[in-house]
Protein backbone atom coordinates (compact mmCIF):
# COMPACT_ATOMS: atom_id res chain seq x y z
CA MET A 1 0.00 0.00 0.00
CA THR A 2 1.25 3.47 -0.90
CA MET A 3 2.22 5.65 2.06
CA PHE A 4 0.95 9.10 1.03
CA SER A 5 1.32 12.31 3.04
CA ALA A 6 -0.75 15.11 1.56
CA PHE A 7 0.57 18.66 1.23
CA THR A 8 -2.45 20.52 2.54
CA GLN A 9 -3.54 24.14 2.92
CA GLN A 10 -2.24 24.02 6.48
CA HIS A 11 1.23 22.96 5.32
CA CYS A 12 1.23 25.64 2.65
CA ASP A 13 0.13 28.40 5.02
CA ALA A 14 2.96 27.52 7.41
CA LEU A 15 5.51 28.20 4.65
CA LEU A 16 3.91 31.18 2.89
CA SER A 17 5.20 34.71 3.39
CA LEU A 18 2.47 37.07 2.19
CA ARG A 19 2.79 40.76 1.32
CA PRO A 20 0.13 43.34 0.49
CA ASN A 21 -0.70 43.71 -3.22
CA GLU A 22 1.18 40.55 -4.16
CA THR A 23 -0.08 37.10 -5.11
CA LYS A 24 2.19 34.13 -4.50
CA ILE A 25 2.28 30.82 -6.37
CA GLY A 26 1.19 29.10 -3.17
CA GLN A 27 -2.10 31.03 -3.25
CA GLN A 28 -2.90 29.74 -6.75
CA VAL A 29 -1.86 26.08 -6.83
CA TYR A 30 -4.20 23.17 -6.13
CA LEU A 31 -3.41 21.72 -2.71
CA ALA A 32 -4.17 18.20 -1.55
CA SER A 33 -6.72 17.11 1.02
CA ALA A 34 -5.65 14.83 3.84
CA GLU A 35 -9.07 13.16 3.68
CA LEU A 36 -8.54 11.95 0.10
CA SER A 37 -6.30 9.25 -1.32
CA LEU A 38 -3.53 10.09 -3.76
CA ALA A 39 -5.67 8.93 -6.69
CA GLN A 40 -8.64 11.02 -5.49
CA ASN A 41 -6.46 14.09 -5.01
CA ALA A 42 -5.03 13.67 -8.51
CA GLN A 43 -8.52 13.37 -10.00
CA GLN A 44 -9.72 16.44 -8.10
CA ALA A 45 -6.67 18.42 -9.22
CA LYS A 46 -7.32 17.51 -12.84
CA SER A 47 -10.98 18.49 -12.50
CA SER A 48 -9.82 21.83 -11.06
CA GLY A 49 -7.76 22.54 -14.18
CA ALA A 50 -4.28 21.46 -13.10
CA GLN A 51 -1.94 20.02 -15.73
CA PHE A 52 1.07 19.12 -13.55
CA ALA A 53 1.39 17.28 -10.25
CA ILE A 54 4.34 17.93 -7.97
CA ILE A 55 5.07 14.88 -5.85
CA ALA A 56 8.04 13.91 -3.71
CA ILE A 57 9.50 10.52 -2.92
CA ALA A 58 10.79 10.73 0.63
CA GLU A 59 13.50 8.08 0.83
CA ASP A 60 17.21 7.56 0.89
CA VAL A 61 17.34 3.76 0.93
CA GLY A 62 18.29 3.67 -2.76
CA PRO A 63 21.47 5.75 -2.40
CA ARG A 64 22.37 3.93 0.81
CA ALA A 65 21.85 0.60 -0.97
CA ASN A 66 24.36 1.88 -3.54
CA LEU A 67 26.90 2.52 -0.75
CA GLY A 68 26.22 6.26 -0.87
CA ARG A 69 25.26 8.80 1.75
CA GLY A 70 21.74 9.28 3.08
CA GLY A 71 19.75 12.51 3.23
CA ALA A 72 17.87 12.35 -0.08
CA ASP A 73 14.58 12.00 1.80
CA ASP A 74 14.49 15.65 2.88
CA ALA A 75 14.23 17.92 -0.15
CA PHE A 76 10.48 18.44 -0.51
CA ILE A 77 9.76 21.11 2.11
CA ALA A 78 12.94 23.01 1.18
CA SER A 79 11.82 23.21 -2.45
CA MET A 80 8.19 23.99 -1.65
CA LYS A 81 9.13 26.82 0.69
CA GLN A 82 10.91 28.50 -2.21
CA LEU A 83 8.42 27.61 -4.96
CA ILE A 84 5.21 28.66 -3.25
CA ASN A 85 6.71 32.06 -2.31
CA LEU A 86 7.52 32.95 -5.91
CA GLN A 87 5.26 35.55 -7.52
CA SER A 88 2.13 34.53 -9.42
CA ASN A 89 2.14 36.79 -12.49
CA ARG A 90 1.96 36.87 -16.29
CA PHE A 91 4.85 34.40 -16.59
CA LEU A 92 3.29 31.69 -14.40
CA ASN A 93 -0.04 31.81 -12.62
CA GLY A 94 0.34 28.69 -10.50
CA ASN A 95 -3.11 27.25 -11.16
CA GLU A 96 -1.48 24.96 -13.74
CA CYS A 97 -0.01 22.98 -10.85
CA ALA A 98 -1.10 20.70 -8.06
CA ILE A 99 1.20 20.11 -5.11
CA LEU A 100 0.12 16.69 -3.90
CA GLY A 101 2.65 15.74 -1.22
CA GLN A 102 5.03 12.87 -0.52
CA ILE A 103 5.07 9.11 -0.95
CA SER A 104 7.36 6.84 1.04
CA LEU A 105 7.89 3.39 2.43
CA ASP A 106 5.37 2.59 5.16
CA THR A 107 8.17 1.57 7.53
CA SER A 108 11.50 3.25 8.24
CA VAL A 109 14.76 1.50 7.42
CA SER A 110 17.37 1.57 10.16
CA THR A 111 20.64 3.39 9.71
CA THR A 112 22.29 0.09 10.68
CA ALA A 113 20.50 -1.91 7.97
CA THR A 114 22.67 -4.18 5.84
CA VAL A 115 23.18 -3.61 2.13
CA GLU A 116 20.94 -6.59 1.43
CA GLN A 117 18.15 -5.15 3.61
CA LEU A 118 18.49 -1.77 1.91
CA ARG A 119 18.24 -3.39 -1.52
CA GLN A 120 15.16 -5.32 -0.48
CA ALA A 121 13.59 -2.08 0.77
CA THR A 122 14.45 -0.36 -2.52
CA ALA A 123 12.66 -3.14 -4.41
CA GLN A 124 9.61 -2.68 -2.16
CA LEU A 125 9.72 1.05 -2.85
CA ASP A 126 9.69 0.33 -6.60
CA ASP A 127 6.18 -1.13 -6.31
CA ILE A 128 5.01 1.89 -4.32
CA VAL A 129 6.39 4.34 -6.89
CA ILE A 130 4.90 2.43 -9.83
CA ALA A 131 1.45 2.37 -8.21
CA ALA A 132 1.51 6.01 -7.09
CA VAL A 133 2.83 7.52 -10.30
CA SER A 134 0.46 5.38 -12.39
CA GLU A 135 -2.46 6.87 -10.44
CA ILE A 136 -1.23 10.40 -11.16
CA MET A 137 -0.73 9.70 -14.86
CA GLN A 138 -4.08 7.92 -15.18
CA ALA A 139 -5.73 11.05 -13.79
CA GLY A 140 -4.28 12.97 -16.75
CA LEU A 141 -1.63 14.86 -14.80
CA GLU A 142 2.06 15.16 -15.69
CA PRO A 143 4.25 14.33 -12.68
CA ILE A 144 7.13 16.51 -11.55
CA VAL A 145 8.95 14.25 -9.13
CA ILE A 146 11.40 15.36 -6.45
CA GLY A 147 13.69 12.61 -5.14
CA GLY A 148 14.63 10.53 -3.33
CA GLY A 149 17.37 8.54 -4.95
CA HIS A 150 17.80 7.98 -8.66
CA ASN A 151 16.64 4.42 -8.07
CA ASN A 152 13.14 5.86 -8.54
CA ALA A 153 13.76 6.31 -12.27
CA TYR A 154 12.89 2.62 -12.53
CA GLY A 155 9.45 3.08 -10.99
CA LEU A 156 8.77 6.18 -13.08
CA LEU A 157 9.73 4.45 -16.33
CA MET A 158 7.65 1.39 -15.44
CA ALA A 159 4.64 3.58 -14.57
CA THR A 160 4.95 5.43 -17.87
CA LYS A 161 5.02 2.16 -19.78
CA ALA A 162 2.04 0.84 -17.80
CA THR A 163 0.05 4.02 -18.50
CA THR A 164 0.92 4.54 -22.16
CA GLY A 165 1.44 0.95 -23.26
CA LEU A 166 4.77 2.00 -24.78
CA PRO A 167 8.41 1.80 -23.73
CA VAL A 168 10.08 5.11 -22.94
CA ALA A 169 12.78 7.26 -24.50
CA ALA A 170 14.81 8.80 -21.66
CA VAL A 171 17.41 11.52 -21.38
CA ASN A 172 19.38 11.86 -18.17
CA LEU A 173 21.67 14.73 -17.13
CA ASP A 174 24.00 12.81 -14.84
CA PRO A 175 27.71 12.11 -14.42
CA HIS A 176 26.69 8.50 -13.71
CA SER A 177 24.72 6.41 -16.19
CA ASP A 178 22.95 4.45 -13.42
CA PHE A 179 23.26 1.42 -15.69
CA ARG A 180 25.22 -0.72 -13.23
CA PRO A 181 24.76 -4.51 -13.14
CA ARG A 182 21.45 -5.87 -11.85
CA GLU A 183 22.87 -7.01 -8.50
CA GLY A 184 19.88 -6.02 -6.39
CA ARG A 185 18.04 -2.71 -6.53
CA HIS A 186 19.80 0.54 -5.69
CA SER A 187 20.23 4.06 -7.05
CA GLY A 188 22.93 2.99 -9.50
CA ASN A 189 20.90 0.59 -11.64
CA GLY A 190 17.42 2.02 -12.17
CA PHE A 191 17.93 2.34 -15.91
CA SER A 192 19.50 -1.10 -16.40
CA TYR A 193 16.55 -2.71 -14.58
CA ALA A 194 14.09 -0.67 -16.66
CA ALA A 195 15.83 -1.75 -19.86
CA ALA A 196 15.73 -5.42 -18.79
CA ASN A 197 11.99 -5.11 -18.05
CA GLY A 198 11.10 -3.50 -21.37
CA ALA A 199 10.31 -0.04 -20.02
CA LEU A 200 13.35 1.70 -21.53
CA ASP A 201 13.86 1.65 -25.29
CA HIS A 202 16.10 4.67 -25.95
CA TYR A 203 18.58 6.13 -23.47
CA HIS A 204 20.90 9.13 -23.73
CA ILE A 205 23.13 10.42 -20.92
CA LEU A 206 24.16 14.07 -21.02
CA GLY A 207 27.22 15.01 -18.99
CA LEU A 208 28.40 11.45 -18.35
CA HIS A 209 31.71 11.65 -16.51
CA GLU A 210 34.31 9.61 -18.34
CA LEU A 211 35.94 8.31 -15.14
CA LYS A 212 32.85 7.77 -12.96
CA ASN A 213 31.47 4.81 -14.90
CA SER A 214 33.11 1.39 -14.87
CA GLU A 215 34.16 -0.32 -18.08
CA GLU A 216 31.59 -3.03 -17.36
CA THR A 217 28.86 -0.38 -17.16
CA LEU A 218 30.06 1.28 -20.37
CA GLU A 219 29.99 -2.14 -22.07
CA GLN A 220 26.42 -2.69 -20.92
CA LEU A 221 25.42 0.74 -22.22
CA SER A 222 26.98 0.01 -25.61
CA LEU A 223 25.30 -3.40 -25.86
CA PHE A 224 21.94 -1.79 -25.06
CA GLY A 225 22.50 0.90 -27.71
CA ALA A 226 22.60 3.84 -25.29
CA THR A 227 24.33 7.05 -26.34
CA TRP A 228 26.00 9.84 -24.40
CA ASN A 229 27.78 13.16 -24.47
CA SER A 230 30.44 13.25 -21.79
CA PHE A 231 31.01 16.01 -19.29
CA GLN A 232 34.57 16.33 -20.59
CA GLN A 233 33.46 16.51 -24.23
CA ILE A 234 31.16 19.51 -23.66
CA TRP A 235 32.40 21.37 -20.57
CA ILE A 236 36.14 20.57 -20.51
CA ARG A 237 37.43 19.91 -24.03
CA ARG A 238 34.68 22.03 -25.65
CA GLU A 239 34.44 19.66 -28.61
CA LEU A 240 30.68 20.20 -28.73
CA SER A 241 28.51 23.04 -27.49
CA LEU A 242 25.68 22.37 -25.07
CA GLU A 243 23.23 23.91 -27.54
CA THR A 244 24.30 21.58 -30.35
CA ALA A 245 24.12 18.59 -28.05
CA LEU A 246 20.59 19.50 -26.91
CA LYS A 247 19.39 19.87 -30.51
CA GLN A 248 20.80 16.46 -31.37
CA ILE A 249 19.30 14.87 -28.25
CA ALA A 250 15.83 16.33 -28.86
CA LYS A 251 15.89 15.22 -32.50
CA ALA A 252 16.81 11.65 -31.53
CA LEU A 253 14.15 11.53 -28.79
CA ASN A 254 11.45 12.77 -31.12
CA GLN A 255 12.41 10.32 -33.86
CA THR A 256 11.57 7.43 -31.53
CA GLN A 257 7.91 8.62 -31.39
CA LEU A 258 7.86 7.32 -27.82
CA PRO A 259 6.90 9.02 -24.55
CA VAL A 260 9.89 10.97 -23.22
CA ALA A 261 11.30 10.89 -19.70
CA LEU A 262 13.28 13.91 -18.52
CA GLU A 263 15.72 12.86 -15.81
CA LEU A 264 18.21 14.94 -13.85
CA ASP A 265 20.51 13.89 -11.04
CA VAL A 266 21.43 16.99 -9.09
CA ASP A 267 24.92 15.64 -8.46
CA ALA A 268 25.63 16.83 -12.00
CA ILE A 269 25.40 20.40 -10.64
CA ALA A 270 28.40 22.00 -8.96
CA ASN A 271 28.03 22.44 -5.19
CA MET A 272 24.53 20.95 -5.01
CA PRO A 273 24.03 18.99 -1.80
CA SER A 274 23.58 15.35 -2.77
CA SER A 275 24.76 11.87 -1.87
CA ALA A 276 27.55 12.26 -4.47
CA ALA A 277 28.14 16.02 -4.41
CA THR A 278 30.80 17.53 -6.67
CA PHE A 279 32.66 20.80 -7.07
CA ALA A 280 33.53 19.86 -10.68
CA GLY A 281 30.02 20.00 -12.11
CA ILE A 282 27.90 22.10 -14.40
CA SER A 283 26.16 25.32 -13.42
CA ILE A 284 22.56 25.46 -12.24
CA LEU A 285 21.94 27.74 -15.25
CA ASP A 286 23.04 25.04 -17.70
CA ALA A 287 20.92 22.50 -15.82
CA CYS A 288 17.87 24.76 -16.07
CA HIS A 289 18.52 25.33 -19.76
CA TYR A 290 18.68 21.56 -20.35
CA VAL A 291 15.37 21.08 -18.54
CA HIS A 292 13.65 23.92 -20.39
CA TYR A 293 14.95 22.88 -23.82
CA ILE A 294 13.91 19.23 -23.56
CA ALA A 295 10.58 20.14 -21.95
CA LYS A 296 9.80 22.58 -24.74
CA HIS A 297 10.88 20.45 -27.69
CA CYS A 298 9.93 16.90 -26.66
CA PRO A 299 6.71 15.09 -25.59
CA CYS A 300 7.73 14.69 -21.95
CA HIS A 301 5.57 12.53 -19.71
CA TYR A 302 7.35 13.45 -16.50
CA ALA A 303 10.33 15.26 -14.99
CA HIS A 304 12.43 13.71 -12.26
CA PHE A 305 14.90 15.69 -10.12
CA ALA A 306 16.75 13.12 -8.03
CA GLU A 307 19.27 12.83 -5.20
CA THR A 308 18.95 16.25 -3.53
CA ALA A 309 20.19 15.87 0.06
CA PRO A 310 20.19 19.15 2.01
CA ALA A 311 22.00 17.54 4.97
CA CYS A 312 24.99 16.81 2.71
CA HIS A 313 25.74 20.50 2.08
CA HIS A 314 29.34 21.31 2.98
CA ALA A 315 28.21 24.41 4.92
CA GLY A 316 25.56 22.64 7.00
CA LEU A 317 21.86 21.92 7.00
CA GLU A 318 20.56 25.50 6.85
CA ALA A 319 22.67 26.22 3.78
CA GLY A 320 21.55 22.90 2.34
CA TYR A 321 17.87 23.79 2.66
CA ARG A 322 18.48 27.20 1.11
CA ASP A 323 20.53 26.05 -1.87
CA ALA A 324 18.47 22.91 -2.50
CA GLY A 325 15.22 24.84 -2.30
CA GLN A 326 16.29 27.62 -4.62
CA SER A 327 17.79 25.22 -7.15
CA LEU A 328 14.85 22.84 -7.24
CA SER A 329 12.33 25.67 -7.55
CA GLU A 330 14.25 27.03 -10.55
CA LEU A 331 14.38 23.57 -12.17
CA ILE A 332 10.64 23.13 -11.64
CA TYR A 333 9.90 26.53 -13.17
CA ALA A 334 12.17 25.77 -16.14
CA TYR A 335 10.22 22.56 -16.77
CA LEU A 336 6.81 24.21 -16.39
CA GLN A 337 7.70 27.08 -18.69
CA GLY A 338 9.12 24.71 -21.30
CA ARG A 339 6.10 22.43 -21.27
CA LEU A 340 3.57 25.27 -21.29
CA THR A 341 5.21 27.06 -24.22
CA GLY A 342 5.79 23.76 -26.01
CA LEU A 343 2.16 22.69 -25.57
CA ASN A 344 0.82 25.91 -27.15
């Protein structure tokens, strides 16, 4: 059974900072009811005119099962505090969106759990994510998903296939391909499991780090037919511009005529707090441009922003909440603006 915690008017009011003669996004969005199930809230939001559903997956078992750091279960409130206090104006009203809340495992997983226990919990979470996201998609809403680990790409891809009846074409901005061997579920093999289960048909990695993927993983990617532009190719050696790469990626995605998944692991972004944070990453501006470009030019069925872990910020938790919240709210806006202009 899906563990769903609704983001209600009460939660929103506690985070809103109102000013005279201003209207904030949080005053315009559809908010969930604690009395309704996730499916009922999604249906109500659609009936109210929403097109997008913001949902969080509150977990860090996937990264921990991949021998990474915890903390990816704590990004939702940080991002919502920033997003709902942005201005509602001619650029974005806010009534296009529903903020539904968080899904999670119905039991906590101990910090002393073994790797095997963590991988079993990640597999259990897969079923929860598939069921929850399928309900949102079946209601006619487009999910914007805040992680949680990148293990949840598997559930999102499976839900998209279940809803559309088609495999998915995915693009992932990520220094890691997350195509590791299928050795038990964790944040490093969501895409390889999705490929093995027929949910992933086309896969491109943007910003793949040439030395953060094993030769075995690269072999598996090649055998599958995945493609990539490396971090070094675009941002270090400057052999290819980001703009040219994005045009090529969008063209290839559209040629598949399949539903598109837009994936982003925030550990691609310099100084973002995550389980695998880096100083040698891309800028938040380039990440937002990637999101906006793909959202505008491709038939996206969801956006997934994974691995944000405010507690992993080098300057402490308060800085982590601030930077994570601001960054995620900008990524969400970039996606919304791209989809809304692309849909017109």
